[in-house]
Amino acid sequence: MDLEDFAARFRADIRARLDWRRLAEVRAGVRVETLSRDTAGQRLAELFTVWYVDPAGGEGSWGAPGSRPLRVEAADRALPDWPGEREGAVSALARAFAEGAGPLPLTLPAYRVDEARYLLLDGNHRAVAAHRAGRALRLTLWSLAGPVCEGILPDLRHYAAPLA
């Protein structure tokens, strides 16, 4: 798989401010992994969302001082305390996901920050809802591998190594 395949599949849905031109310039790679059983659930819980918490524990923003990104598992715990319709949307999806037999198929695009950390580029509601539903998963993760810099995606400022 390459960047063109990734863009054809996800570009229309990704609302994060991803700089597609720069990704092409740096020849960002793409890796597709399919996980199931405990591995899928654990990876899903550890994915970072583009949702943030402020220093007081309320809903934050990627650019606000002191805000930090939430993993899927932490976002699931934080959502009930946040204002707005996000909780209702996630709850409705979680109820729908809990129904049915067999593993729930879930395909998500992400940015690979390093070997152990991935940032969701789309599907945050679906990811948190699937985690909440607690159903067995078949997770297919399409991950971009490129520089970890905010010029590619502003959210990456939270993952970039500090300058020496």
C-alpha atoms as a PDB file:
ATOM      1  CA  MET A   1       0.000   0.000   0.000  1.00  0.00           C
ATOM      2  CA  ASP A   2       1.123   3.529  -0.635  1.00  0.00           C
ATOM      3  CA  LEU A   3      -0.003   7.089   0.032  1.00  0.00           C
ATOM      4  CA  GLU A   4      -2.222   7.132  -3.070  1.00  0.00           C
ATOM      5  CA  ASP A   5      -4.099   4.060  -1.816  1.00  0.00           C
ATOM      6  CA  PHE A   6      -4.471   5.658   1.618  1.00  0.00           C
ATOM      7  CA  ALA A   7      -5.710   8.955   0.140  1.00  0.00           C
ATOM      8  CA  ALA A   8      -8.189   7.209  -2.170  1.00  0.00           C
ATOM      9  CA  ARG A   9      -9.673   5.364   0.774  1.00  0.00           C
ATOM     10  CA  PHE A  10      -9.668   8.049   3.499  1.00  0.00           C
ATOM     11  CA  ARG A  11      -8.999  11.571   2.186  1.00  0.00           C
ATOM     12  CA  ALA A  12     -12.661  12.575   1.853  1.00  0.00           C
ATOM     13  CA  ASP A  13     -13.365  11.578   5.468  1.00  0.00           C
ATOM     14  CA  ILE A  14     -10.299  12.928   7.262  1.00  0.00           C
ATOM     15  CA  ARG A  15     -11.121  16.353   8.688  1.00  0.00           C
ATOM     16  CA  ALA A  16      -7.867  16.703  10.625  1.00  0.00           C
ATOM     17  CA  ARG A  17      -5.596  19.318   9.051  1.00  0.00           C
ATOM     18  CA  LEU A  18      -3.315  16.801   7.374  1.00  0.00           C
ATOM     19  CA  ASP A  19      -0.958  18.338   4.790  1.00  0.00           C
ATOM     20  CA  TRP A  20      -1.305  15.853   1.945  1.00  0.00           C
ATOM     21  CA  ARG A  21       1.212  17.694  -0.252  1.00  0.00           C
ATOM     22  CA  ARG A  22       3.931  17.465   2.397  1.00  0.00           C
ATOM     23  CA  LEU A  23       3.141  13.808   2.996  1.00  0.00           C
ATOM     24  CA  ALA A  24       3.762  13.171  -0.694  1.00  0.00           C
ATOM     25  CA  GLU A  25       6.969  15.234  -0.629  1.00  0.00           C
ATOM     26  CA  VAL A  26       8.418  13.212   2.268  1.00  0.00           C
ATOM     27  CA  ARG A  27       7.179   9.981   0.700  1.00  0.00           C
ATOM     28  CA  ALA A  28       5.209   8.937   3.747  1.00  0.00           C
ATOM     29  CA  GLY A  29       4.763   5.212   3.975  1.00  0.00           C
ATOM     30  CA  VAL A  30       1.605   3.270   4.701  1.00  0.00           C
ATOM     31  CA  ARG A  31       1.244   0.125   6.752  1.00  0.00           C
ATOM     32  CA  VAL A  32      -1.945  -1.913   6.981  1.00  0.00           C
ATOM     33  CA  GLU A  33      -2.382  -4.243   9.950  1.00  0.00           C
ATOM     34  CA  THR A  34      -5.343  -6.406  10.825  1.00  0.00           C
ATOM     35  CA  LEU A  35      -5.644  -7.452  14.442  1.00  0.00           C
ATOM     36  CA  SER A  36      -8.151  -9.612  16.237  1.00  0.00           C
ATOM     37  CA  ARG A  37      -8.936 -11.006  19.673  1.00  0.00           C
ATOM     38  CA  ASP A  38      -7.179  -9.426  22.645  1.00  0.00           C
ATOM     39  CA  THR A  39      -4.598  -7.739  20.422  1.00  0.00           C
ATOM     40  CA  ALA A  40      -7.283  -5.707  18.632  1.00  0.00           C
ATOM     41  CA  GLY A  41      -8.977  -4.552  21.824  1.00  0.00           C
ATOM     42  CA  GLN A  42      -5.707  -3.565  23.446  1.00  0.00           C
ATOM     43  CA  ARG A  43      -4.487  -1.647  20.383  1.00  0.00           C
ATOM     44  CA  LEU A  44      -7.832   0.131  20.063  1.00  0.00           C
ATOM     45  CA  ALA A  45      -7.733   1.250  23.718  1.00  0.00           C
ATOM     46  CA  GLU A  46      -4.208   2.645  23.245  1.00  0.00           C
ATOM     47  CA  LEU A  47      -4.855   4.660  20.069  1.00  0.00           C
ATOM     48  CA  PHE A  48      -4.707   8.405  20.588  1.00  0.00           C
ATOM     49  CA  THR A  49      -7.746  10.417  19.525  1.00  0.00           C
ATOM     50  CA  VAL A  50      -7.811  14.005  18.295  1.00  0.00           C
ATOM     51  CA  TRP A  51      -9.804  14.812  21.432  1.00  0.00           C
ATOM     52  CA  TYR A  52      -8.059  16.676  24.218  1.00  0.00           C
ATOM     53  CA  VAL A  53      -8.433  17.291  27.916  1.00  0.00           C
ATOM     54  CA  ASP A  54      -7.435  20.572  29.530  1.00  0.00           C
ATOM     55  CA  PRO A  55      -5.419  20.758  32.766  1.00  0.00           C
ATOM     56  CA  ALA A  56      -8.667  20.844  34.822  1.00  0.00           C
ATOM     57  CA  GLY A  57      -9.961  17.669  33.153  1.00  0.00           C
ATOM     58  CA  GLY A  58     -12.495  19.377  30.892  1.00  0.00           C
ATOM     59  CA  GLU A  59     -12.712  19.242  27.132  1.00  0.00           C
ATOM     60  CA  GLY A  60      -9.585  20.814  25.642  1.00  0.00           C
ATOM     61  CA  SER A  61      -8.218  21.764  22.258  1.00  0.00           C
ATOM     62  CA  TRP A  62      -5.063  20.688  20.395  1.00  0.00           C
ATOM     63  CA  GLY A  63      -3.670  24.218  20.501  1.00  0.00           C
ATOM     64  CA  ALA A  64      -4.636  25.220  24.034  1.00  0.00           C
ATOM     65  CA  PRO A  65      -1.758  25.454  26.541  1.00  0.00           C
ATOM     66  CA  GLY A  66      -1.653  22.450  28.831  1.00  0.00           C
ATOM     67  CA  SER A  67      -4.131  20.380  26.825  1.00  0.00           C
ATOM     68  CA  ARG A  68      -3.160  16.790  26.204  1.00  0.00           C
ATOM     69  CA  PRO A  69      -4.494  14.183  23.793  1.00  0.00           C
ATOM     70  CA  LEU A  70      -6.619  11.332  25.076  1.00  0.00           C
ATOM     71  CA  ARG A  71      -6.282   7.680  24.220  1.00  0.00           C
ATOM     72  CA  VAL A  72      -9.505   5.888  23.227  1.00  0.00           C
ATOM     73  CA  GLU A  73      -9.799   4.301  26.669  1.00  0.00           C
ATOM     74  CA  ALA A  74      -9.394   7.649  28.487  1.00  0.00           C
ATOM     75  CA  ALA A  75     -11.756   9.414  26.070  1.00  0.00           C
ATOM     76  CA  ASP A  76     -14.425   6.832  26.857  1.00  0.00           C
ATOM     77  CA  ARG A  77     -14.115   7.663  30.566  1.00  0.00           C
ATOM     78  CA  ALA A  78     -14.028  11.455  29.991  1.00  0.00           C
ATOM     79  CA  LEU A  79     -16.935  11.830  27.555  1.00  0.00           C
ATOM     80  CA  PRO A  80     -19.844  11.661  30.016  1.00  0.00           C
ATOM     81  CA  ASP A  81     -18.537  14.810  31.729  1.00  0.00           C
ATOM     82  CA  TRP A  82     -18.124  16.846  28.540  1.00  0.00           C
ATOM     83  CA  PRO A  83     -20.800  19.166  27.172  1.00  0.00           C
ATOM     84  CA  GLY A  84     -22.321  18.702  23.757  1.00  0.00           C
ATOM     85  CA  GLU A  85     -23.603  15.899  21.606  1.00  0.00           C
ATOM     86  CA  ARG A  86     -20.441  13.785  21.425  1.00  0.00           C
ATOM     87  CA  GLU A  87     -21.511  11.522  24.324  1.00  0.00           C
ATOM     88  CA  GLY A  88     -24.907  10.845  22.764  1.00  0.00           C
ATOM     89  CA  ALA A  89     -23.392   9.981  19.395  1.00  0.00           C
ATOM     90  CA  VAL A  90     -20.851   7.620  20.965  1.00  0.00           C
ATOM     91  CA  SER A  91     -23.509   5.962  23.151  1.00  0.00           C
ATOM     92  CA  ALA A  92     -25.805   5.372  20.179  1.00  0.00           C
ATOM     93  CA  LEU A  93     -22.960   3.844  18.168  1.00  0.00           C
ATOM     94  CA  ALA A  94     -21.889   1.702  21.130  1.00  0.00           C
ATOM     95  CA  ARG A  95     -25.422   0.277  21.464  1.00  0.00           C
ATOM     96  CA  ALA A  96     -25.461  -0.558  17.752  1.00  0.00           C
ATOM     97  CA  PHE A  97     -21.976  -2.081  17.920  1.00  0.00           C
ATOM     98  CA  ALA A  98     -22.901  -4.251  20.920  1.00  0.00           C
ATOM     99  CA  GLU A  99     -25.506  -6.058  18.833  1.00  0.00           C
ATOM    100  CA  GLY A 100     -24.592  -8.819  16.454  1.00  0.00           C
ATOM    101  CA  ALA A 101     -22.497 -11.922  16.486  1.00  0.00           C
ATOM    102  CA  GLY A 102     -18.847 -12.408  15.727  1.00  0.00           C
ATOM    103  CA  PRO A 103     -16.081  -9.848  15.780  1.00  0.00           C
ATOM    104  CA  LEU A 104     -16.999  -6.258  14.948  1.00  0.00           C
ATOM    105  CA  PRO A 105     -15.089  -5.132  11.828  1.00  0.00           C
ATOM    106  CA  LEU A 106     -13.505  -1.711  12.349  1.00  0.00           C
ATOM    107  CA  THR A 107     -11.217   0.031   9.852  1.00  0.00           C
ATOM    108  CA  LEU A 108      -9.427   3.179  11.004  1.00  0.00           C
ATOM    109  CA  PRO A 109      -6.839   5.567   9.523  1.00  0.00           C
ATOM    110  CA  ALA A 110      -4.023   6.684  11.820  1.00  0.00           C
ATOM    111  CA  TYR A 111      -0.664   8.411  11.895  1.00  0.00           C
ATOM    112  CA  ARG A 112       2.132   6.271  13.282  1.00  0.00           C
ATOM    113  CA  VAL A 113       3.980   8.406  15.808  1.00  0.00           C
ATOM    114  CA  ASP A 114       6.404   5.648  16.782  1.00  0.00           C
ATOM    115  CA  GLU A 115       6.376   1.872  17.212  1.00  0.00           C
ATOM    116  CA  ALA A 116       3.879   2.021  20.077  1.00  0.00           C
ATOM    117  CA  ARG A 117       1.816   5.169  19.463  1.00  0.00           C
ATOM    118  CA  TYR A 118      -0.762   5.894  16.787  1.00  0.00           C
ATOM    119  CA  LEU A 119      -2.952   8.977  16.348  1.00  0.00           C
ATOM    120  CA  LEU A 120      -6.405   8.483  14.840  1.00  0.00           C
ATOM    121  CA  LEU A 121      -7.053  10.649  11.799  1.00  0.00           C
ATOM    122  CA  ASP A 122     -10.749   9.764  11.539  1.00  0.00           C
ATOM    123  CA  GLY A 123     -13.184   7.477  13.290  1.00  0.00           C
ATOM    124  CA  ASN A 124     -12.773   8.810  16.827  1.00  0.00           C
ATOM    125  CA  HIS A 125     -16.482   8.355  17.598  1.00  0.00           C
ATOM    126  CA  ARG A 126     -16.471   4.834  16.140  1.00  0.00           C
ATOM    127  CA  ALA A 127     -13.289   3.882  17.987  1.00  0.00           C
ATOM    128  CA  VAL A 128     -14.565   5.048  21.384  1.00  0.00           C
ATOM    129  CA  ALA A 129     -17.956   3.438  20.741  1.00  0.00           C
ATOM    130  CA  ALA A 130     -16.354   0.116  19.795  1.00  0.00           C
ATOM    131  CA  HIS A 131     -14.249   0.242  22.959  1.00  0.00           C
ATOM    132  CA  ARG A 132     -17.346   1.000  25.029  1.00  0.00           C
ATOM    133  CA  ALA A 133     -19.353  -1.808  23.392  1.00  0.00           C
ATOM    134  CA  GLY A 134     -16.793  -4.347  24.595  1.00  0.00           C
ATOM    135  CA  ARG A 135     -17.421  -6.661  21.664  1.00  0.00           C
ATOM    136  CA  ALA A 136     -14.676  -8.731  20.055  1.00  0.00           C
ATOM    137  CA  LEU A 137     -13.019  -6.811  17.227  1.00  0.00           C
ATOM    138  CA  ARG A 138     -11.397  -7.290  13.873  1.00  0.00           C
ATOM    139  CA  LEU A 139      -9.399  -4.052  13.712  1.00  0.00           C
ATOM    140  CA  THR A 140      -7.795  -2.988  10.463  1.00  0.00           C
ATOM    141  CA  LEU A 141      -5.452  -0.076  11.028  1.00  0.00           C
ATOM    142  CA  TRP A 142      -4.150   1.879   8.049  1.00  0.00           C
ATOM    143  CA  SER A 143      -1.258   3.929   9.382  1.00  0.00           C
ATOM    144  CA  LEU A 144       0.797   6.663   7.765  1.00  0.00           C
ATOM    145  CA  ALA A 145       4.485   6.768   8.635  1.00  0.00           C
ATOM    146  CA  GLY A 146       6.155  10.114   8.148  1.00  0.00           C
ATOM    147  CA  PRO A 147       7.882  12.860  10.106  1.00  0.00           C
ATOM    148  CA  VAL A 148       6.410  13.654  13.492  1.00  0.00           C
ATOM    149  CA  CYS A 149       6.077  17.391  13.033  1.00  0.00           C
ATOM    150  CA  GLU A 150       3.234  19.835  13.271  1.00  0.00           C
ATOM    151  CA  GLY A 151       3.858  20.962   9.687  1.00  0.00           C
ATOM    152  CA  ILE A 152       2.365  17.645   8.567  1.00  0.00           C
ATOM    153  CA  LEU A 153      -0.460  17.753  11.121  1.00  0.00           C
ATOM    154  CA  PRO A 154      -0.827  20.342  13.909  1.00  0.00           C
ATOM    155  CA  ASP A 155      -1.773  17.640  16.440  1.00  0.00           C
ATOM    156  CA  LEU A 156       1.676  16.067  16.035  1.00  0.00           C
ATOM    157  CA  ARG A 157       3.158  18.870  18.158  1.00  0.00           C
ATOM    158  CA  HIS A 158       2.101  16.768  21.160  1.00  0.00           C
ATOM    159  CA  TYR A 159       4.250  13.838  20.026  1.00  0.00           C
ATOM    160  CA  ALA A 160       7.345  15.490  18.538  1.00  0.00           C
ATOM    161  CA  ALA A 161      10.566  15.159  20.454  1.00  0.00           C
ATOM    162  CA  PRO A 162      11.594  18.415  22.093  1.00  0.00           C
ATOM    163  CA  LEU A 163      14.366  20.295  20.367  1.00  0.00           C
ATOM    164  CA  ALA A 164      17.762  19.969  22.027  1.00  0.00           C
END
